[in-house]
Amino acid sequence: MRLDFFSLHLFADVVDTQSINRGARQNHIAVSAASKRITDLEDLFQTKLLHRHARGVRPTDAGEMLHRRVKATMGDLELLMVEMSQFAQGVRGRVRLHSSSAAAVQRLPGDLASFVEMHPQVQVDLTSHAPADTLDMLVRGEADVGIVAPVAPYPESLCVWHYDTVTHVIVTHPSHPLARRESVSFADTLVHDHVSLTANGEWDILLGRMAQGRGGALNVRMRADNYEAVCRLVAANLGLAVVPADSARLYAQPLRLRVLALDEAWASMPVHVCCRDLQSLPASARRLVQHLTARKPEPAPESMHWGSARNGLDDGPLLPRSRLQGPATLASAVSC
């Protein structure tokens, strides 16, 4: 059985106005066409729906039941249109956000809290991945938005915005030989054991390249998969570590760690918002990109030079400045 929604809507208007003539006018069709559609409905249901009389029409018992059901169905359809428009406008939906652990402990939690407050019907699924994995998943469409540091080459197909700058410091046990220092160079740390992240990850490779560039090697005694675990291993006096300043602030006091400034230009590392062509994203993901880039922070210093973690630090920047986008607005969110 195929139901014509226009004919059902027309039937409801005819019953509401008690007139085929007025129902036809409300739906902008001829009276003869409206009468034919009512007759077709009666043939379809094989029962009489209207009593016709000189002053207009009134529904039969079957017509009254159909009228109630049609009004309820039309109400559900209107609600459906409202709900679907919310998806189209980005005020409802789901966003797959992938972030590196460094970005997840700094500015991101506050930005996500304000976004969710503004868009309570948008679900943000936040997961932590290595930068290269996040970039690959963005290209394959397995993630909507990524927040990463340039420790792995950025694919040309991605749009990129400067989001934040993460400052890195050294944390040590209070009894460590460097603990009394206020600041150290990276070369100063190479004669000591390090605690680092997962082996052969982009951050691990980057620190190894930095050590090679200073004529040394990174001696990693222990590894962990997040900065909290790294700090706890440092607190056990198993080595020193390079960590984001925000992580150091979180764990230094409860774990009684010493925090030293890292006297290196690369200690301040840019963090970027990345995604595919904005036009191809769900509206809710475009709204999140707009929210994250609306408050444009100061870019990384001009002197900062970020090279490829795979090919060495002197192979050229991973991200030319010309590729950085301006703040993402909904008006400009159709191209990048």
Protein backbone atom coordinates (compact mmCIF):
# COMPACT_ATOMS: atom_id res chain seq x y z
CA MET A 1 0.00 0.00 0.00
CA ARG A 2 1.44 3.36 -1.06
CA LEU A 3 0.19 6.44 0.75
CA ASP A 4 0.38 9.86 -0.87
CA PHE A 5 1.38 12.31 1.88
CA PHE A 6 0.07 15.26 -0.08
CA SER A 7 -3.36 13.63 -0.34
CA LEU A 8 -3.32 12.83 3.39
CA HIS A 9 -2.38 16.42 4.23
CA LEU A 10 -5.14 17.64 1.91
CA PHE A 11 -7.66 15.31 3.59
CA ALA A 12 -6.71 16.70 7.03
CA ASP A 13 -7.22 20.28 5.78
CA VAL A 14 -10.58 19.36 4.25
CA VAL A 15 -11.77 17.91 7.58
CA ASP A 16 -10.38 20.88 9.54
CA THR A 17 -12.15 23.41 7.27
CA GLN A 18 -15.22 21.18 6.69
CA SER A 19 -14.93 22.08 2.99
CA ILE A 20 -13.25 20.51 -0.03
CA ASN A 21 -13.20 23.98 -1.62
CA ARG A 22 -11.32 25.60 1.29
CA GLY A 23 -9.00 22.59 1.65
CA ALA A 24 -8.16 22.85 -2.06
CA ARG A 25 -7.38 26.58 -1.75
CA GLN A 26 -5.07 25.97 1.23
CA ASN A 27 -3.11 23.44 -0.84
CA HIS A 28 -3.15 25.51 -4.06
CA ILE A 29 -4.93 22.95 -6.25
CA ALA A 30 -8.23 22.94 -8.15
CA VAL A 31 -11.38 21.75 -6.38
CA SER A 32 -11.84 18.97 -8.94
CA ALA A 33 -8.27 17.76 -8.31
CA ALA A 34 -8.84 17.81 -4.56
CA SER A 35 -12.10 15.88 -4.90
CA LYS A 36 -10.34 13.30 -7.09
CA ARG A 37 -7.61 12.80 -4.46
CA ILE A 38 -10.18 12.25 -1.70
CA THR A 39 -11.95 9.70 -3.91
CA ASP A 40 -8.62 7.96 -4.56
CA LEU A 41 -8.03 7.70 -0.80
CA GLU A 42 -11.48 6.16 -0.33
CA ASP A 43 -10.71 3.66 -3.09
CA LEU A 44 -7.35 2.89 -1.49
CA PHE A 45 -8.84 2.24 1.96
CA GLN A 46 -12.01 0.72 0.44
CA THR A 47 -14.24 2.74 2.76
CA LYS A 48 -16.08 6.07 2.72
CA LEU A 49 -14.18 8.88 4.47
CA LEU A 50 -16.46 11.92 4.05
CA HIS A 51 -20.16 12.68 4.20
CA ARG A 52 -20.85 15.35 1.56
CA HIS A 53 -23.74 17.75 2.12
CA ALA A 54 -24.89 21.18 0.96
CA ARG A 55 -22.99 23.09 3.66
CA GLY A 56 -19.70 21.18 3.18
CA VAL A 57 -18.33 17.86 4.44
CA ARG A 58 -17.93 15.98 7.69
CA PRO A 59 -15.85 12.85 8.33
CA THR A 60 -17.27 9.37 8.68
CA ASP A 61 -16.12 7.21 11.60
CA ALA A 62 -13.32 5.92 9.38
CA GLY A 63 -12.57 9.50 8.30
CA GLU A 64 -12.31 10.65 11.93
CA MET A 65 -9.81 7.89 12.71
CA LEU A 66 -7.81 8.71 9.58
CA HIS A 67 -7.89 12.41 10.48
CA ARG A 68 -6.48 11.74 13.96
CA ARG A 69 -3.74 9.50 12.61
CA VAL A 70 -2.82 11.94 9.83
CA LYS A 71 -2.58 14.88 12.26
CA ALA A 72 -0.36 12.82 14.57
CA THR A 73 1.79 11.70 11.64
CA MET A 74 2.13 15.25 10.31
CA GLY A 75 3.19 16.39 13.77
CA ASP A 76 5.84 13.67 13.86
CA LEU A 77 7.03 14.69 10.38
CA GLU A 78 7.33 18.33 11.44
CA LEU A 79 9.36 17.24 14.46
CA LEU A 80 11.50 15.09 12.16
CA MET A 81 12.18 18.09 9.92
CA VAL A 82 13.19 20.18 12.94
CA GLU A 83 15.50 17.44 14.22
CA MET A 84 17.07 16.87 10.80
CA SER A 85 17.58 20.61 10.34
CA GLN A 86 19.48 20.59 13.64
CA PHE A 87 21.88 18.07 12.13
CA ALA A 88 22.18 20.21 8.99
CA GLN A 89 22.88 23.33 11.07
CA GLY A 90 25.41 21.51 13.26
CA VAL A 91 23.56 22.02 16.56
CA ARG A 92 23.00 18.28 16.81
CA GLY A 93 25.28 15.41 15.82
CA ARG A 94 28.50 13.59 16.66
CA VAL A 95 32.11 14.69 16.13
CA ARG A 96 35.07 12.31 16.13
CA LEU A 97 37.93 14.34 17.62
CA HIS A 98 41.44 12.89 17.85
CA SER A 99 44.10 14.66 19.89
CA SER A 100 47.65 14.11 21.03
CA SER A 101 48.11 13.71 24.78
CA ALA A 102 50.03 17.00 25.00
CA ALA A 103 47.12 19.01 23.58
CA ALA A 104 44.57 17.15 25.70
CA VAL A 105 45.99 18.46 28.99
CA GLN A 106 46.32 22.11 28.07
CA ARG A 107 43.70 24.38 26.48
CA LEU A 108 41.49 21.72 24.91
CA PRO A 109 39.40 20.65 27.97
CA GLY A 110 38.18 24.19 28.58
CA ASP A 111 37.38 24.73 24.91
CA LEU A 112 35.42 21.47 24.74
CA ALA A 113 33.51 22.36 27.91
CA SER A 114 32.38 25.69 26.43
CA PHE A 115 31.50 24.04 23.09
CA VAL A 116 29.36 21.37 24.75
CA GLU A 117 27.64 24.05 26.85
CA MET A 118 26.77 25.95 23.67
CA HIS A 119 25.77 22.78 21.75
CA PRO A 120 24.43 20.28 24.31
CA GLN A 121 23.03 17.99 21.60
CA VAL A 122 26.40 17.53 19.88
CA GLN A 123 28.34 14.50 21.10
CA VAL A 124 32.13 14.90 20.94
CA ASP A 125 34.03 11.59 20.99
CA LEU A 126 37.58 12.47 22.09
CA THR A 127 40.32 9.87 21.74
CA SER A 128 44.09 10.16 22.06
CA HIS A 129 46.36 8.99 19.26
CA ALA A 130 49.88 9.55 18.04
CA PRO A 131 50.09 12.50 15.60
CA ALA A 132 50.87 10.33 12.54
CA ASP A 133 47.94 8.02 13.33
CA THR A 134 45.62 11.00 13.72
CA LEU A 135 46.72 12.45 10.39
CA ASP A 136 46.20 9.11 8.64
CA MET A 137 42.72 8.71 10.12
CA LEU A 138 41.79 12.24 9.03
CA VAL A 139 42.82 11.48 5.46
CA ARG A 140 40.90 8.17 5.48
CA GLY A 141 37.80 9.83 6.94
CA GLU A 142 37.96 7.83 10.19
CA ALA A 143 38.24 11.06 12.21
CA ASP A 144 36.57 14.44 11.69
CA VAL A 145 38.95 16.83 13.49
CA GLY A 146 42.50 16.35 14.76
CA ILE A 147 44.66 18.36 17.15
CA VAL A 148 48.32 17.55 16.69
CA ALA A 149 51.83 18.93 16.94
CA PRO A 150 54.01 18.96 13.81
CA VAL A 151 56.20 15.99 14.71
CA ALA A 152 55.06 14.08 11.62
CA PRO A 153 54.62 15.41 8.05
CA TYR A 154 51.19 16.88 7.32
CA PRO A 155 49.40 15.53 4.21
CA GLU A 156 48.79 18.18 1.58
CA SER A 157 45.07 17.35 1.53
CA LEU A 158 44.46 18.63 5.08
CA CYS A 159 43.43 22.12 6.16
CA VAL A 160 45.47 23.42 9.11
CA TRP A 161 44.97 26.17 11.70
CA HIS A 162 47.31 27.28 14.47
CA TYR A 163 45.55 26.38 17.71
CA ASP A 164 47.97 26.71 20.62
CA THR A 165 51.59 26.55 21.69
CA VAL A 166 52.78 23.89 24.13
CA THR A 167 55.86 24.73 26.19
CA HIS A 168 58.00 21.77 27.24
CA VAL A 169 60.07 21.53 30.41
CA ILE A 170 62.30 19.01 32.18
CA VAL A 171 61.07 17.15 35.26
CA THR A 172 63.44 15.38 37.64
CA HIS A 173 63.50 13.69 41.03
CA PRO A 174 64.62 16.10 43.81
CA SER A 175 67.84 14.09 44.25
CA HIS A 176 68.75 14.16 40.55
CA PRO A 177 72.12 15.80 39.73
CA LEU A 178 70.33 18.47 37.63
CA ALA A 179 67.58 19.15 40.16
CA ARG A 180 69.22 22.29 41.60
CA ARG A 181 69.39 23.95 38.18
CA GLU A 182 66.76 26.50 37.10
CA SER A 183 67.16 25.68 33.42
CA VAL A 184 69.07 23.20 31.30
CA SER A 185 69.84 22.68 27.64
CA PHE A 186 68.82 19.46 25.96
CA ALA A 187 72.52 18.58 25.60
CA ASP A 188 72.86 18.79 29.42
CA THR A 189 70.28 16.00 29.77
CA LEU A 190 71.88 13.56 27.35
CA VAL A 191 74.38 12.25 29.90
CA HIS A 192 71.48 11.12 32.10
CA ASP A 193 68.79 8.46 31.78
CA HIS A 194 65.49 9.58 30.25
CA VAL A 195 61.91 8.45 30.73
CA SER A 196 60.06 8.75 27.43
CA LEU A 197 56.91 7.81 25.58
CA THR A 198 56.30 4.76 23.39
CA ALA A 199 59.28 3.55 21.38
CA ASN A 200 59.44 4.63 17.72
CA GLY A 201 56.58 7.08 18.11
CA GLU A 202 56.91 10.49 16.45
CA TRP A 203 57.84 12.24 19.72
CA ASP A 204 60.44 9.57 20.51
CA ILE A 205 61.92 9.85 17.01
CA LEU A 206 61.96 13.66 17.25
CA LEU A 207 63.87 13.65 20.55
CA GLY A 208 66.30 11.11 19.08
CA ARG A 209 66.96 13.41 16.11
CA MET A 210 67.47 16.33 18.49
CA ALA A 211 70.02 14.30 20.44
CA GLN A 212 71.85 13.30 17.24
CA GLY A 213 71.97 16.94 16.18
CA ARG A 214 73.83 17.71 19.41
CA GLY A 215 76.32 14.90 18.96
CA GLY A 216 74.76 12.61 21.52
CA ALA A 217 72.13 9.91 21.92
CA LEU A 218 68.91 9.65 23.86
CA ASN A 219 69.40 7.05 26.59
CA VAL A 220 65.85 5.92 27.42
CA ARG A 221 65.70 3.80 30.56
CA MET A 222 61.93 3.56 30.90
CA ARG A 223 58.90 4.17 28.66
CA ALA A 224 55.22 4.89 29.27
CA ASP A 225 52.17 5.60 27.11
CA ASN A 226 51.10 8.90 28.73
CA TYR A 227 52.61 11.84 30.58
CA GLU A 228 51.12 10.96 33.97
CA ALA A 229 52.87 7.60 33.88
CA VAL A 230 56.07 9.31 32.70
CA CYS A 231 55.96 11.69 35.68
CA ARG A 232 55.36 8.82 38.10
CA LEU A 233 58.42 7.00 36.76
CA VAL A 234 60.45 10.19 37.19
CA ALA A 235 59.14 10.43 40.77
CA ALA A 236 60.53 6.92 41.30
CA ASN A 237 63.95 8.34 40.33
CA LEU A 238 64.17 6.26 37.15
CA GLY A 239 65.29 9.16 34.96
CA LEU A 240 64.37 12.67 33.86
CA ALA A 241 61.80 13.52 31.21
CA VAL A 242 60.74 16.17 28.70
CA VAL A 243 57.05 16.88 29.29
CA PRO A 244 54.54 19.67 28.53
CA ALA A 245 54.56 22.41 31.16
CA ASP A 246 50.88 21.79 31.93
CA SER A 247 51.60 18.14 32.73
CA ALA A 248 54.48 19.25 34.96
CA ARG A 249 52.17 21.64 36.81
CA LEU A 250 49.61 18.87 37.35
CA TYR A 251 52.02 16.36 38.85
CA ALA A 252 55.01 18.30 40.23
CA GLN A 253 53.54 19.08 43.66
CA PRO A 254 51.80 15.76 44.43
CA LEU A 255 54.79 13.75 43.14
CA ARG A 256 57.41 16.19 44.55
CA LEU A 257 59.13 16.70 41.21
CA ARG A 258 61.57 19.42 40.29
CA VAL A 259 60.64 21.40 37.15
CA LEU A 260 63.43 22.94 35.07
CA ALA A 261 63.10 25.28 32.10
CA LEU A 262 64.27 23.72 28.84
CA ASP A 263 66.59 26.24 27.22
CA GLU A 264 65.81 25.33 23.60
CA ALA A 265 63.92 27.14 20.82
CA TRP A 266 61.95 23.96 20.09
CA ALA A 267 60.73 23.78 23.70
CA SER A 268 57.75 25.88 22.57
CA MET A 269 55.94 23.67 20.08
CA PRO A 270 52.95 24.78 17.98
CA VAL A 271 49.74 22.74 18.07
CA HIS A 272 47.36 22.70 15.10
CA VAL A 273 43.72 21.96 14.36
CA CYS A 274 43.54 19.79 11.24
CA CYS A 275 40.70 18.41 9.15
CA ARG A 276 39.75 17.47 5.63
CA ASP A 277 38.03 19.96 3.33
CA LEU A 278 35.49 21.67 5.60
CA GLN A 279 32.79 21.29 2.98
CA SER A 280 32.96 17.51 3.35
CA LEU A 281 32.59 17.54 7.16
CA PRO A 282 29.33 17.18 9.09
CA ALA A 283 27.96 20.56 10.15
CA SER A 284 28.60 19.76 13.83
CA ALA A 285 32.30 19.15 13.05
CA ARG A 286 32.48 22.46 11.17
CA ARG A 287 31.01 24.19 14.22
CA LEU A 288 33.69 22.60 16.43
CA VAL A 289 36.47 23.77 14.09
CA GLN A 290 34.95 27.26 14.15
CA HIS A 291 34.83 27.18 17.95
CA LEU A 292 38.43 25.99 18.32
CA THR A 293 39.81 28.58 15.90
CA ALA A 294 37.60 31.56 16.80
CA ARG A 295 40.06 32.84 19.43
CA LYS A 296 43.22 33.03 17.36
CA PRO A 297 46.31 32.64 19.57
CA GLU A 298 49.71 34.11 18.93
CA PRO A 299 51.55 31.97 16.35
CA ALA A 300 54.80 30.24 17.12
CA PRO A 301 57.92 32.46 16.99
CA GLU A 302 59.29 33.14 13.51
CA SER A 303 62.63 31.66 14.53
CA MET A 304 61.09 28.29 15.22
CA HIS A 305 61.98 25.70 12.61
CA TRP A 306 60.19 22.37 12.60
CA GLY A 307 61.70 19.69 10.39
CA SER A 308 60.60 16.19 9.52
CA ALA A 309 60.80 13.69 12.36
CA ARG A 310 61.41 11.00 9.75
CA ASN A 311 64.03 12.74 7.67
CA GLY A 312 65.89 14.85 10.23
CA LEU A 313 65.46 18.33 11.64
CA ASP A 314 67.19 20.13 8.81
CA ASP A 315 65.03 18.85 5.95
CA GLY A 316 62.72 21.85 5.95
CA PRO A 317 59.57 22.75 7.86
CA LEU A 318 56.74 20.25 8.09
CA LEU A 319 54.18 22.99 7.59
CA PRO A 320 54.88 26.10 5.47
CA ARG A 321 53.36 29.21 7.04
CA SER A 322 51.43 29.82 3.82
CA ARG A 323 49.34 26.70 4.56
CA LEU A 324 48.02 27.99 7.90
CA GLN A 325 44.37 29.02 7.64
CA GLY A 326 42.75 32.04 9.24
CA PRO A 327 39.98 31.65 11.84
CA ALA A 328 37.32 29.26 10.55
CA THR A 329 33.88 30.83 10.34
CA LEU A 330 30.69 29.18 9.16
CA ALA A 331 30.61 31.62 6.25
CA SER A 332 34.05 30.49 5.10
CA ALA A 333 33.63 26.86 6.08
CA VAL A 334 32.97 25.68 2.55
CA SER A 335 36.52 25.91 1.28
CA CYS A 336 40.03 26.08 2.56
